[in-house]
Amino acid sequence: MRKVFQEELTQVGDQLVEISRLVSEAMDKATTSFQVADVDLAQDVIAADARIDFLQNSLDERAIDILALQGPVASDLRMIVGSLRMSASLERMGDLARHIAQLARLRYPSTVIPASMTETFHRMAELDQEIADKLTVLLESRDLEVARDILKANTAINDLHLSVFKAIAAPEWTESPATTVDVALASRYFERFADHGVSVAQKVTYLVTGAWQPNATEHS
């Protein structure tokens, strides 16, 4: 019975990694479609989000079955509950990649953002992609140095997000109301994507250390 239980836990972990990989792929395509106005790529992201949703539901059902049937001990319970929460964060990251792709599709054949913001959003896209890629590594390795890297990238995105809102509030901002809304929404999507990545990193840290320390992944 214990062997079967461990196999179930392994499958939950494998599903988390699979979802993380799909999220990383979605963000890569979403940011490309966003930056170069590729409507076909945007549509791919929008359609593929259903797969992420399906896998999250499948993982949650498996985890709940384990809770109901196996009576896990404290350390295993921590893993199962943590997996449920991480799958929710990953699913939300997939949704945010879809939102970015939807913005690209909405404004096609134009790009979403004005030329003055290109460099800022290019950097935000790079950082979010770094977070997405490192989450997969973290889920496979549980290397807390990777978790700390995710925190650093998130700090940089928060700074960029703040700079976007300062720019659109400045007197010299002359873009249209529609463009202003697009820029604000896009910045929020990139920022929230990173926040959910941090949430996953913190939960992995909790699984490794057994202590819930929201700032545990910061510089040590």
N, C-alpha and C. Protein backbone atom coordinates (compact mmCIF):
# COMPACT_ATOMS: atom_id res chain seq x y z
N MET A 1 0.83 -1.21 0.00
CA MET A 1 0.00 0.00 0.00
C MET A 1 0.87 1.27 0.00
N ARG A 2 1.94 1.23 0.78
CA ARG A 2 2.81 2.40 0.84
C ARG A 2 3.46 2.67 -0.51
N LYS A 3 3.80 1.59 -1.24
CA LYS A 3 4.41 1.76 -2.56
C LYS A 3 3.43 2.44 -3.51
N VAL A 4 2.19 2.01 -3.47
CA VAL A 4 1.16 2.63 -4.31
C VAL A 4 1.00 4.10 -3.96
N PHE A 5 1.02 4.39 -2.68
CA PHE A 5 0.88 5.77 -2.22
C PHE A 5 2.03 6.64 -2.75
N GLN A 6 3.24 6.13 -2.66
CA GLN A 6 4.39 6.89 -3.14
C GLN A 6 4.33 7.10 -4.65
N GLU A 7 3.81 6.10 -5.36
CA GLU A 7 3.65 6.25 -6.81
C GLU A 7 2.64 7.35 -7.13
N GLU A 8 1.59 7.42 -6.33
CA GLU A 8 0.58 8.47 -6.51
C GLU A 8 1.20 9.85 -6.28
N LEU A 9 2.00 9.97 -5.23
CA LEU A 9 2.66 11.24 -4.95
C LEU A 9 3.61 11.63 -6.08
N THR A 10 4.32 10.65 -6.60
CA THR A 10 5.23 10.92 -7.72
C THR A 10 4.47 11.42 -8.94
N GLN A 11 3.31 10.82 -9.19
CA GLN A 11 2.50 11.24 -10.33
C GLN A 11 2.00 12.67 -10.16
N VAL A 12 1.65 13.03 -8.94
CA VAL A 12 1.25 14.42 -8.67
C VAL A 12 2.40 15.37 -8.98
N GLY A 13 3.59 15.02 -8.51
CA GLY A 13 4.76 15.85 -8.80
C GLY A 13 5.05 15.95 -10.28
N ASP A 14 4.90 14.84 -10.99
CA ASP A 14 5.14 14.84 -12.44
C ASP A 14 4.13 15.73 -13.16
N GLN A 15 2.89 15.70 -12.70
CA GLN A 15 1.87 16.55 -13.32
C GLN A 15 2.16 18.03 -13.09
N LEU A 16 2.65 18.36 -11.91
CA LEU A 16 3.03 19.76 -11.66
C LEU A 16 4.11 20.21 -12.63
N VAL A 17 5.09 19.36 -12.86
CA VAL A 17 6.16 19.70 -13.79
C VAL A 17 5.60 19.87 -15.20
N GLU A 18 4.70 18.98 -15.60
CA GLU A 18 4.11 19.08 -16.94
C GLU A 18 3.34 20.38 -17.10
N ILE A 19 2.55 20.74 -16.09
CA ILE A 19 1.81 22.01 -16.16
C ILE A 19 2.77 23.18 -16.24
N SER A 20 3.83 23.13 -15.45
CA SER A 20 4.81 24.21 -15.46
C SER A 20 5.45 24.36 -16.84
N ARG A 21 5.76 23.25 -17.48
CA ARG A 21 6.34 23.32 -18.83
C ARG A 21 5.36 23.95 -19.82
N LEU A 22 4.10 23.59 -19.71
CA LEU A 22 3.10 24.16 -20.62
C LEU A 22 2.93 25.65 -20.37
N VAL A 23 2.99 26.06 -19.12
CA VAL A 23 2.90 27.48 -18.79
C VAL A 23 4.09 28.24 -19.38
N SER A 24 5.27 27.66 -19.27
CA SER A 24 6.46 28.30 -19.83
C SER A 24 6.34 28.45 -21.34
N GLU A 25 5.85 27.41 -21.99
CA GLU A 25 5.66 27.47 -23.44
C GLU A 25 4.61 28.52 -23.81
N ALA A 26 3.53 28.56 -23.03
CA ALA A 26 2.47 29.54 -23.29
C ALA A 26 2.98 30.96 -23.15
N MET A 27 3.79 31.21 -22.12
CA MET A 27 4.30 32.57 -21.92
C MET A 27 5.26 32.95 -23.02
N ASP A 28 6.06 32.03 -23.47
CA ASP A 28 7.00 32.30 -24.56
C ASP A 28 6.24 32.74 -25.81
N LYS A 29 5.21 31.99 -26.15
CA LYS A 29 4.42 32.32 -27.34
C LYS A 29 3.61 33.61 -27.14
N ALA A 30 3.07 33.77 -25.93
CA ALA A 30 2.25 34.96 -25.66
C ALA A 30 3.07 36.23 -25.78
N THR A 31 4.26 36.23 -25.20
CA THR A 31 5.08 37.44 -25.24
C THR A 31 5.58 37.74 -26.65
N THR A 32 5.85 36.69 -27.42
CA THR A 32 6.24 36.91 -28.81
C THR A 32 5.09 37.51 -29.60
N SER A 33 3.90 36.94 -29.44
CA SER A 33 2.73 37.47 -30.16
C SER A 33 2.45 38.91 -29.75
N PHE A 34 2.67 39.20 -28.49
CA PHE A 34 2.44 40.54 -27.94
C PHE A 34 3.41 41.55 -28.53
N GLN A 35 4.65 41.15 -28.69
CA GLN A 35 5.68 42.08 -29.14
C GLN A 35 5.73 42.27 -30.65
N VAL A 36 5.33 41.25 -31.41
CA VAL A 36 5.45 41.36 -32.88
C VAL A 36 4.10 41.29 -33.59
N ALA A 37 3.01 41.29 -32.83
CA ALA A 37 1.65 41.26 -33.41
C ALA A 37 1.44 40.03 -34.29
N ASP A 38 1.73 38.86 -33.72
CA ASP A 38 1.53 37.58 -34.42
C ASP A 38 0.21 36.98 -33.95
N VAL A 39 -0.84 37.17 -34.74
CA VAL A 39 -2.17 36.75 -34.30
C VAL A 39 -2.31 35.23 -34.27
N ASP A 40 -1.61 34.53 -35.17
CA ASP A 40 -1.69 33.06 -35.17
C ASP A 40 -1.06 32.48 -33.90
N LEU A 41 0.05 33.05 -33.50
CA LEU A 41 0.70 32.60 -32.27
C LEU A 41 -0.18 32.91 -31.06
N ALA A 42 -0.80 34.07 -31.08
CA ALA A 42 -1.72 34.44 -29.99
C ALA A 42 -2.86 33.43 -29.90
N GLN A 43 -3.39 33.05 -31.03
CA GLN A 43 -4.50 32.09 -31.04
C GLN A 43 -4.06 30.73 -30.51
N ASP A 44 -2.83 30.34 -30.81
CA ASP A 44 -2.29 29.08 -30.28
C ASP A 44 -2.30 29.09 -28.75
N VAL A 45 -1.88 30.20 -28.17
CA VAL A 45 -1.84 30.32 -26.71
C VAL A 45 -3.25 30.23 -26.12
N ILE A 46 -4.18 30.93 -26.73
CA ILE A 46 -5.55 30.95 -26.24
C ILE A 46 -6.16 29.55 -26.28
N ALA A 47 -5.93 28.84 -27.39
CA ALA A 47 -6.49 27.50 -27.52
C ALA A 47 -5.82 26.51 -26.57
N ALA A 48 -4.51 26.66 -26.37
CA ALA A 48 -3.76 25.70 -25.55
C ALA A 48 -4.05 25.84 -24.06
N ASP A 49 -4.64 26.95 -23.65
CA ASP A 49 -4.91 27.14 -22.22
C ASP A 49 -5.86 26.08 -21.68
N ALA A 50 -6.71 25.54 -22.54
CA ALA A 50 -7.64 24.49 -22.09
C ALA A 50 -6.89 23.26 -21.59
N ARG A 51 -5.74 22.97 -22.19
CA ARG A 51 -4.94 21.83 -21.76
C ARG A 51 -4.40 22.04 -20.35
N ILE A 52 -3.95 23.25 -20.06
CA ILE A 52 -3.47 23.57 -18.72
C ILE A 52 -4.60 23.42 -17.71
N ASP A 53 -5.77 23.93 -18.05
CA ASP A 53 -6.92 23.82 -17.16
C ASP A 53 -7.26 22.35 -16.89
N PHE A 54 -7.24 21.54 -17.94
CA PHE A 54 -7.56 20.12 -17.81
C PHE A 54 -6.58 19.42 -16.87
N LEU A 55 -5.29 19.70 -17.07
CA LEU A 55 -4.27 19.06 -16.24
C LEU A 55 -4.38 19.50 -14.78
N GLN A 56 -4.71 20.76 -14.58
CA GLN A 56 -4.88 21.23 -13.20
C GLN A 56 -6.04 20.51 -12.52
N ASN A 57 -7.15 20.38 -13.23
CA ASN A 57 -8.30 19.67 -12.66
C ASN A 57 -7.96 18.21 -12.38
N SER A 58 -7.23 17.59 -13.29
CA SER A 58 -6.83 16.20 -13.12
C SER A 58 -5.93 16.04 -11.90
N LEU A 59 -4.97 16.95 -11.74
CA LEU A 59 -4.08 16.90 -10.58
C LEU A 59 -4.87 17.08 -9.29
N ASP A 60 -5.77 18.04 -9.28
CA ASP A 60 -6.55 18.30 -8.08
C ASP A 60 -7.39 17.09 -7.69
N GLU A 61 -8.00 16.44 -8.68
CA GLU A 61 -8.80 15.25 -8.39
C GLU A 61 -7.94 14.13 -7.82
N ARG A 62 -6.76 13.96 -8.39
CA ARG A 62 -5.84 12.93 -7.90
C ARG A 62 -5.42 13.23 -6.46
N ALA A 63 -5.08 14.48 -6.19
CA ALA A 63 -4.64 14.86 -4.85
C ALA A 63 -5.76 14.67 -3.82
N ILE A 64 -6.97 15.03 -4.19
CA ILE A 64 -8.10 14.88 -3.28
C ILE A 64 -8.38 13.40 -3.01
N ASP A 65 -8.25 12.56 -4.04
CA ASP A 65 -8.42 11.12 -3.85
C ASP A 65 -7.38 10.58 -2.87
N ILE A 66 -6.15 11.05 -2.99
CA ILE A 66 -5.09 10.61 -2.07
C ILE A 66 -5.45 11.01 -0.64
N LEU A 67 -5.90 12.23 -0.47
CA LEU A 67 -6.29 12.70 0.86
C LEU A 67 -7.41 11.85 1.44
N ALA A 68 -8.37 11.49 0.60
CA ALA A 68 -9.54 10.76 1.08
C ALA A 68 -9.24 9.29 1.35
N LEU A 69 -8.36 8.69 0.56
CA LEU A 69 -8.20 7.24 0.62
C LEU A 69 -6.94 6.76 1.33
N GLN A 70 -5.92 7.60 1.40
CA GLN A 70 -4.63 7.12 1.88
C GLN A 70 -4.29 7.55 3.31
N GLY A 71 -4.97 8.56 3.86
CA GLY A 71 -4.66 9.01 5.21
C GLY A 71 -3.21 9.39 5.38
N PRO A 72 -2.70 10.35 4.60
CA PRO A 72 -1.27 10.67 4.63
C PRO A 72 -0.81 11.22 5.97
N VAL A 73 0.45 10.95 6.30
CA VAL A 73 1.06 11.53 7.49
C VAL A 73 1.39 12.99 7.22
N ALA A 74 1.87 13.69 8.25
CA ALA A 74 2.01 15.15 8.17
C ALA A 74 2.88 15.61 7.00
N SER A 75 4.04 14.97 6.80
CA SER A 75 4.93 15.43 5.73
C SER A 75 4.32 15.20 4.36
N ASP A 76 3.63 14.07 4.19
CA ASP A 76 2.97 13.81 2.91
C ASP A 76 1.76 14.72 2.72
N LEU A 77 1.07 15.00 3.81
CA LEU A 77 -0.07 15.91 3.74
C LEU A 77 0.39 17.29 3.27
N ARG A 78 1.53 17.72 3.78
CA ARG A 78 2.09 19.01 3.37
C ARG A 78 2.36 19.02 1.86
N MET A 79 2.88 17.93 1.34
CA MET A 79 3.16 17.81 -0.08
C MET A 79 1.88 17.87 -0.91
N ILE A 80 0.85 17.17 -0.46
CA ILE A 80 -0.39 17.12 -1.23
C ILE A 80 -1.10 18.47 -1.23
N VAL A 81 -1.23 19.06 -0.06
CA VAL A 81 -1.89 20.37 0.03
C VAL A 81 -1.08 21.42 -0.73
N GLY A 82 0.24 21.36 -0.60
CA GLY A 82 1.09 22.28 -1.35
C GLY A 82 0.93 22.12 -2.84
N SER A 83 0.78 20.88 -3.30
CA SER A 83 0.59 20.63 -4.73
C SER A 83 -0.72 21.22 -5.22
N LEU A 84 -1.76 21.10 -4.42
CA LEU A 84 -3.05 21.71 -4.79
C LEU A 84 -2.91 23.21 -4.96
N ARG A 85 -2.21 23.83 -4.06
CA ARG A 85 -2.05 25.29 -4.13
C ARG A 85 -1.14 25.69 -5.29
N MET A 86 -0.09 24.92 -5.50
CA MET A 86 0.81 25.24 -6.61
C MET A 86 0.13 25.06 -7.96
N SER A 87 -0.70 24.04 -8.08
CA SER A 87 -1.40 23.84 -9.35
C SER A 87 -2.34 25.00 -9.63
N ALA A 88 -2.95 25.55 -8.59
CA ALA A 88 -3.83 26.71 -8.78
C ALA A 88 -3.03 27.92 -9.26
N SER A 89 -1.84 28.12 -8.69
CA SER A 89 -1.00 29.24 -9.12
C SER A 89 -0.53 29.06 -10.56
N LEU A 90 -0.14 27.85 -10.90
CA LEU A 90 0.31 27.58 -12.27
C LEU A 90 -0.83 27.77 -13.27
N GLU A 91 -2.02 27.33 -12.90
CA GLU A 91 -3.17 27.51 -13.78
C GLU A 91 -3.44 28.98 -14.00
N ARG A 92 -3.31 29.77 -12.95
CA ARG A 92 -3.52 31.21 -13.07
C ARG A 92 -2.44 31.84 -13.95
N MET A 93 -1.23 31.35 -13.87
CA MET A 93 -0.17 31.83 -14.75
C MET A 93 -0.52 31.55 -16.21
N GLY A 94 -1.09 30.38 -16.46
CA GLY A 94 -1.55 30.07 -17.81
C GLY A 94 -2.63 31.03 -18.27
N ASP A 95 -3.54 31.37 -17.36
CA ASP A 95 -4.59 32.34 -17.69
C ASP A 95 -3.99 33.70 -18.05
N LEU A 96 -2.98 34.11 -17.31
CA LEU A 96 -2.37 35.42 -17.56
C LEU A 96 -1.62 35.44 -18.89
N ALA A 97 -0.98 34.33 -19.24
CA ALA A 97 -0.37 34.23 -20.57
C ALA A 97 -1.46 34.35 -21.64
N ARG A 98 -2.59 33.72 -21.40
CA ARG A 98 -3.72 33.82 -22.34
C ARG A 98 -4.21 35.26 -22.44
N HIS A 99 -4.30 35.96 -21.32
CA HIS A 99 -4.74 37.36 -21.35
C HIS A 99 -3.80 38.21 -22.21
N ILE A 100 -2.50 37.97 -22.08
CA ILE A 100 -1.52 38.71 -22.88
C ILE A 100 -1.73 38.42 -24.37
N ALA A 101 -1.95 37.14 -24.68
CA ALA A 101 -2.21 36.77 -26.07
C ALA A 101 -3.51 37.38 -26.59
N GLN A 102 -4.51 37.46 -25.73
CA GLN A 102 -5.78 38.06 -26.14
C GLN A 102 -5.62 39.55 -26.46
N LEU A 103 -4.78 40.23 -25.70
CA LEU A 103 -4.48 41.63 -26.02
C LEU A 103 -3.83 41.75 -27.39
N ALA A 104 -2.90 40.84 -27.67
CA ALA A 104 -2.23 40.85 -28.97
C ALA A 104 -3.23 40.62 -30.10
N ARG A 105 -4.14 39.68 -29.89
CA ARG A 105 -5.16 39.40 -30.92
C ARG A 105 -6.11 40.57 -31.09
N LEU A 106 -6.47 41.21 -29.99
CA LEU A 106 -7.41 42.33 -30.03
C LEU A 106 -6.86 43.49 -30.85
N ARG A 107 -5.57 43.78 -30.71
CA ARG A 107 -4.98 44.95 -31.36
C ARG A 107 -4.34 44.64 -32.72
N TYR A 108 -4.33 43.38 -33.12
CA TYR A 108 -3.79 43.02 -34.42
C TYR A 108 -4.50 43.80 -35.53
N PRO A 109 -3.78 44.33 -36.55
CA PRO A 109 -2.37 44.10 -36.89
C PRO A 109 -1.39 45.04 -36.19
N SER A 110 -1.89 45.92 -35.34
CA SER A 110 -0.98 46.80 -34.59
C SER A 110 -0.41 46.05 -33.39
N THR A 111 0.67 46.57 -32.85
CA THR A 111 1.17 46.05 -31.58
C THR A 111 0.40 46.71 -30.44
N VAL A 112 0.42 46.08 -29.29
CA VAL A 112 -0.37 46.56 -28.15
C VAL A 112 0.21 47.84 -27.57
N ILE A 113 1.51 47.91 -27.48
CA ILE A 113 2.16 49.01 -26.75
C ILE A 113 2.82 50.00 -27.70
N PRO A 114 2.93 51.26 -27.29
CA PRO A 114 3.61 52.26 -28.11
C PRO A 114 5.12 52.05 -28.09
N ALA A 115 5.78 52.65 -29.05
CA ALA A 115 7.23 52.47 -29.19
C ALA A 115 7.99 52.90 -27.94
N SER A 116 7.46 53.90 -27.24
CA SER A 116 8.15 54.41 -26.05
C SER A 116 8.23 53.38 -24.92
N MET A 117 7.36 52.35 -24.97
CA MET A 117 7.33 51.35 -23.90
C MET A 117 7.92 50.02 -24.33
N THR A 118 8.42 49.95 -25.55
CA THR A 118 8.90 48.67 -26.09
C THR A 118 9.99 48.04 -25.22
N GLU A 119 10.97 48.82 -24.87
CA GLU A 119 12.10 48.29 -24.10
C GLU A 119 11.65 47.78 -22.73
N THR A 120 10.77 48.53 -22.08
CA THR A 120 10.28 48.12 -20.76
C THR A 120 9.56 46.79 -20.82
N PHE A 121 8.66 46.64 -21.79
CA PHE A 121 7.89 45.40 -21.87
C PHE A 121 8.74 44.24 -22.38
N HIS A 122 9.72 44.54 -23.19
CA HIS A 122 10.64 43.48 -23.61
C HIS A 122 11.37 42.90 -22.40
N ARG A 123 11.78 43.76 -21.50
CA ARG A 123 12.47 43.30 -20.29
C ARG A 123 11.52 42.55 -19.36
N MET A 124 10.29 43.03 -19.23
CA MET A 124 9.31 42.32 -18.41
C MET A 124 9.06 40.92 -18.97
N ALA A 125 8.96 40.83 -20.29
CA ALA A 125 8.75 39.53 -20.92
C ALA A 125 9.92 38.59 -20.66
N GLU A 126 11.13 39.11 -20.75
CA GLU A 126 12.32 38.30 -20.47
C GLU A 126 12.31 37.77 -19.04
N LEU A 127 11.97 38.63 -18.11
CA LEU A 127 11.98 38.24 -16.70
C LEU A 127 10.88 37.22 -16.40
N ASP A 128 9.70 37.42 -16.97
CA ASP A 128 8.63 36.45 -16.76
C ASP A 128 9.00 35.09 -17.36
N GLN A 129 9.63 35.11 -18.52
CA GLN A 129 10.05 33.85 -19.12
C GLN A 129 11.11 33.17 -18.27
N GLU A 130 12.00 33.96 -17.70
CA GLU A 130 13.01 33.40 -16.79
C GLU A 130 12.33 32.73 -15.59
N ILE A 131 11.34 33.39 -15.03
CA ILE A 131 10.61 32.83 -13.90
C ILE A 131 9.92 31.53 -14.30
N ALA A 132 9.25 31.54 -15.44
CA ALA A 132 8.53 30.34 -15.90
C ALA A 132 9.49 29.17 -16.11
N ASP A 133 10.61 29.43 -16.76
CA ASP A 133 11.58 28.36 -17.00
C ASP A 133 12.17 27.83 -15.70
N LYS A 134 12.46 28.74 -14.78
CA LYS A 134 13.09 28.31 -13.52
C LYS A 134 12.10 27.59 -12.61
N LEU A 135 10.82 27.86 -12.75
CA LEU A 135 9.84 27.12 -11.96
C LEU A 135 9.89 25.64 -12.29
N THR A 136 10.02 25.32 -13.57
CA THR A 136 10.11 23.91 -13.95
C THR A 136 11.35 23.27 -13.34
N VAL A 137 12.47 23.97 -13.41
CA VAL A 137 13.71 23.47 -12.80
C VAL A 137 13.51 23.29 -11.29
N LEU A 138 12.87 24.25 -10.66
CA LEU A 138 12.66 24.20 -9.21
C LEU A 138 11.77 23.03 -8.82
N LEU A 139 10.71 22.80 -9.56
CA LEU A 139 9.80 21.71 -9.24
C LEU A 139 10.47 20.35 -9.40
N GLU A 140 11.42 20.27 -10.32
CA GLU A 140 12.14 19.01 -10.53
C GLU A 140 13.27 18.82 -9.52
N SER A 141 13.94 19.91 -9.16
CA SER A 141 15.15 19.80 -8.35
C SER A 141 14.97 20.17 -6.88
N ARG A 142 13.99 21.02 -6.60
CA ARG A 142 13.79 21.60 -5.27
C ARG A 142 15.05 22.30 -4.76
N ASP A 143 15.73 22.92 -5.67
CA ASP A 143 16.95 23.67 -5.37
C ASP A 143 16.55 25.08 -4.94
N LEU A 144 16.77 25.41 -3.67
CA LEU A 144 16.31 26.70 -3.16
C LEU A 144 17.08 27.88 -3.71
N GLU A 145 18.23 27.63 -4.30
CA GLU A 145 18.94 28.72 -4.99
C GLU A 145 18.14 29.18 -6.21
N VAL A 146 17.49 28.24 -6.87
CA VAL A 146 16.61 28.58 -8.00
C VAL A 146 15.42 29.39 -7.49
N ALA A 147 14.89 29.02 -6.34
CA ALA A 147 13.79 29.79 -5.75
C ALA A 147 14.21 31.22 -5.48
N ARG A 148 15.42 31.40 -4.99
CA ARG A 148 15.91 32.76 -4.73
C ARG A 148 16.06 33.56 -6.03
N ASP A 149 16.47 32.89 -7.09
CA ASP A 149 16.56 33.56 -8.40
C ASP A 149 15.20 34.06 -8.86
N ILE A 150 14.17 33.28 -8.59
CA ILE A 150 12.81 33.68 -8.96
C ILE A 150 12.40 34.94 -8.20
N LEU A 151 12.75 35.00 -6.93
CA LEU A 151 12.44 36.20 -6.13
C LEU A 151 13.14 37.43 -6.69
N LYS A 152 14.40 37.27 -7.10
CA LYS A 152 15.14 38.40 -7.66
C LYS A 152 14.49 38.91 -8.94
N ALA A 153 14.08 37.99 -9.80
CA ALA A 153 13.42 38.38 -11.04
C ALA A 153 12.11 39.09 -10.76
N ASN A 154 11.38 38.62 -9.76
CA ASN A 154 10.12 39.26 -9.40
C ASN A 154 10.33 40.68 -8.91
N THR A 155 11.37 40.90 -8.12
CA THR A 155 11.68 42.25 -7.65
C THR A 155 11.92 43.19 -8.82
N ALA A 156 12.64 42.71 -9.83
CA ALA A 156 12.90 43.53 -11.01
C ALA A 156 11.61 43.84 -11.77
N ILE A 157 10.72 42.86 -11.86
CA ILE A 157 9.44 43.09 -12.54
C ILE A 157 8.59 44.09 -11.77
N ASN A 158 8.59 44.00 -10.46
CA ASN A 158 7.84 44.98 -9.66
C ASN A 158 8.33 46.40 -9.93
N ASP A 159 9.64 46.56 -10.05
CA ASP A 159 10.20 47.89 -10.35
C ASP A 159 9.75 48.38 -11.72
N LEU A 160 9.75 47.48 -12.70
CA LEU A 160 9.32 47.85 -14.05
C LEU A 160 7.83 48.18 -14.08
N HIS A 161 7.05 47.40 -13.36
CA HIS A 161 5.61 47.64 -13.27
C HIS A 161 5.34 49.04 -12.70
N LEU A 162 6.06 49.40 -11.67
CA LEU A 162 5.92 50.73 -11.08
C LEU A 162 6.31 51.81 -12.08
N SER A 163 7.36 51.55 -12.85
CA SER A 163 7.81 52.54 -13.83
C SER A 163 6.77 52.76 -14.92
N VAL A 164 6.05 51.71 -15.27
CA VAL A 164 4.99 51.84 -16.28
C VAL A 164 3.89 52.77 -15.78
N PHE A 165 3.47 52.57 -14.55
CA PHE A 165 2.39 53.40 -14.02
C PHE A 165 2.84 54.84 -13.79
N LYS A 166 4.10 55.03 -13.47
CA LYS A 166 4.61 56.40 -13.38
C LYS A 166 4.60 57.06 -14.76
N ALA A 167 4.95 56.30 -15.79
CA ALA A 167 5.01 56.84 -17.15
C ALA A 167 3.63 57.26 -17.64
N ILE A 168 2.62 56.41 -17.43
CA ILE A 168 1.30 56.75 -17.96
C ILE A 168 0.60 57.83 -17.14
N ALA A 169 1.10 58.09 -15.93
CA ALA A 169 0.55 59.16 -15.10
C ALA A 169 1.27 60.49 -15.31
N ALA A 170 2.36 60.47 -16.05
CA ALA A 170 3.17 61.68 -16.23
C ALA A 170 2.49 62.66 -17.19
N PRO A 171 2.71 63.95 -17.00
CA PRO A 171 2.09 64.96 -17.88
C PRO A 171 2.48 64.79 -19.34
N GLU A 172 3.66 64.27 -19.60
CA GLU A 172 4.13 64.15 -20.98
C GLU A 172 3.56 62.93 -21.71
N TRP A 173 2.79 62.11 -21.02
CA TRP A 173 2.16 60.95 -21.67
C TRP A 173 1.03 61.45 -22.57
N THR A 174 1.11 61.13 -23.86
CA THR A 174 0.14 61.66 -24.83
C THR A 174 -0.59 60.58 -25.60
N GLU A 175 -0.46 59.32 -25.17
CA GLU A 175 -1.13 58.24 -25.89
C GLU A 175 -2.64 58.29 -25.65
N SER A 176 -3.38 57.61 -26.50
CA SER A 176 -4.84 57.60 -26.42
C SER A 176 -5.31 56.86 -25.18
N PRO A 177 -6.56 57.11 -24.76
CA PRO A 177 -7.10 56.37 -23.62
C PRO A 177 -7.06 54.85 -23.83
N ALA A 178 -7.35 54.39 -25.04
CA ALA A 178 -7.34 52.95 -25.31
C ALA A 178 -5.94 52.37 -25.13
N THR A 179 -4.95 53.07 -25.65
CA THR A 179 -3.57 52.61 -25.50
C THR A 179 -3.15 52.63 -24.04
N THR A 180 -3.57 53.65 -23.32
CA THR A 180 -3.23 53.75 -21.90
C THR A 180 -3.79 52.57 -21.12
N VAL A 181 -5.03 52.22 -21.42
CA VAL A 181 -5.65 51.06 -20.76
C VAL A 181 -4.90 49.78 -21.12
N ASP A 182 -4.56 49.63 -22.39
CA ASP A 182 -3.82 48.43 -22.82
C ASP A 182 -2.49 48.31 -22.09
N VAL A 183 -1.77 49.41 -21.99
CA VAL A 183 -0.47 49.40 -21.33
C VAL A 183 -0.62 49.04 -19.85
N ALA A 184 -1.61 49.62 -19.20
CA ALA A 184 -1.83 49.34 -17.78
C ALA A 184 -2.21 47.88 -17.56
N LEU A 185 -3.11 47.36 -18.41
CA LEU A 185 -3.52 45.97 -18.29
C LEU A 185 -2.35 45.03 -18.53
N ALA A 186 -1.61 45.29 -19.59
CA ALA A 186 -0.49 44.41 -19.93
C ALA A 186 0.54 44.38 -18.80
N SER A 187 0.86 45.54 -18.26
CA SER A 187 1.82 45.59 -17.17
C SER A 187 1.32 44.79 -15.97
N ARG A 188 0.04 44.90 -15.70
CA ARG A 188 -0.55 44.15 -14.59
C ARG A 188 -0.47 42.64 -14.84
N TYR A 189 -0.72 42.22 -16.06
CA TYR A 189 -0.65 40.79 -16.37
C TYR A 189 0.77 40.26 -16.17
N PHE A 190 1.76 41.00 -16.66
CA PHE A 190 3.15 40.57 -16.49
C PHE A 190 3.52 40.53 -15.01
N GLU A 191 3.08 41.53 -14.27
CA GLU A 191 3.42 41.60 -12.84
C GLU A 191 2.76 40.47 -12.05
N ARG A 192 1.51 40.17 -12.36
CA ARG A 192 0.80 39.11 -11.64
C ARG A 192 1.35 37.73 -11.99
N PHE A 193 1.76 37.55 -13.23
CA PHE A 193 2.39 36.29 -13.63
C PHE A 193 3.59 36.01 -12.72
N ALA A 194 4.42 37.02 -12.53
CA ALA A 194 5.59 36.87 -11.67
C ALA A 194 5.19 36.60 -10.22
N ASP A 195 4.16 37.27 -9.74
CA ASP A 195 3.70 37.06 -8.37
C ASP A 195 3.30 35.61 -8.13
N HIS A 196 2.59 35.04 -9.08
CA HIS A 196 2.18 33.63 -8.93
C HIS A 196 3.39 32.71 -9.00
N GLY A 197 4.39 33.08 -9.79
CA GLY A 197 5.62 32.31 -9.79
C GLY A 197 6.30 32.32 -8.43
N VAL A 198 6.29 33.47 -7.79
CA VAL A 198 6.84 33.59 -6.43
C VAL A 198 6.06 32.71 -5.46
N SER A 199 4.75 32.69 -5.62
CA SER A 199 3.92 31.87 -4.74
C SER A 199 4.32 30.39 -4.83
N VAL A 200 4.54 29.91 -6.05
CA VAL A 200 4.98 28.53 -6.22
C VAL A 200 6.36 28.33 -5.58
N ALA A 201 7.27 29.26 -5.80
CA ALA A 201 8.61 29.14 -5.23
C ALA A 201 8.57 29.08 -3.71
N GLN A 202 7.70 29.88 -3.10
CA GLN A 202 7.59 29.88 -1.65
C GLN A 202 7.02 28.55 -1.13
N LYS A 203 6.10 27.96 -1.88
CA LYS A 203 5.53 26.68 -1.45
C LYS A 203 6.53 25.55 -1.59
N VAL A 204 7.35 25.60 -2.63
CA VAL A 204 8.42 24.60 -2.73
C VAL A 204 9.40 24.75 -1.57
N THR A 205 9.72 25.98 -1.23
CA THR A 205 10.59 26.23 -0.08
C THR A 205 9.99 25.64 1.19
N TYR A 206 8.69 25.80 1.35
CA TYR A 206 7.99 25.24 2.51
C TYR A 206 8.09 23.71 2.52
N LEU A 207 7.93 23.09 1.36
CA LEU A 207 8.02 21.63 1.29
C LEU A 207 9.42 21.15 1.66
N VAL A 208 10.42 21.91 1.27
CA VAL A 208 11.81 21.51 1.54
C VAL A 208 12.18 21.73 3.00
N THR A 209 11.78 22.88 3.54
CA THR A 209 12.23 23.26 4.89
C THR A 209 11.25 22.88 5.99
N GLY A 210 9.98 22.73 5.63
CA GLY A 210 8.96 22.43 6.64
C GLY A 210 8.52 23.63 7.44
N ALA A 211 9.02 24.80 7.08
CA ALA A 211 8.64 26.03 7.79
C ALA A 211 8.10 27.03 6.78
N TRP A 212 6.95 27.63 7.11
CA TRP A 212 6.36 28.62 6.22
C TRP A 212 6.99 29.98 6.51
N GLN A 213 7.84 30.39 5.59
CA GLN A 213 8.53 31.67 5.71
C GLN A 213 8.36 32.41 4.39
N PRO A 214 7.40 33.34 4.31
CA PRO A 214 7.13 34.01 3.04
C PRO A 214 8.35 34.64 2.40
N ASN A 215 9.34 35.04 3.19
CA ASN A 215 10.53 35.67 2.63
C ASN A 215 11.73 34.73 2.58
N ALA A 216 11.46 33.43 2.73
CA ALA A 216 12.56 32.47 2.83
C ALA A 216 13.38 32.38 1.56
N THR A 217 12.80 32.75 0.42
CA THR A 217 13.52 32.65 -0.83
C THR A 217 14.30 33.90 -1.16
N GLU A 218 14.29 34.89 -0.27
CA GLU A 218 15.06 36.09 -0.51
C GLU A 218 16.53 35.85 -0.19
N HIS A 219 17.34 36.84 -0.47
CA HIS A 219 18.78 36.68 -0.35
C HIS A 219 19.17 36.13 1.02
N SER A 220 20.05 35.16 1.00
CA SER A 220 20.51 34.58 2.27
C SER A 220 22.02 34.58 2.33
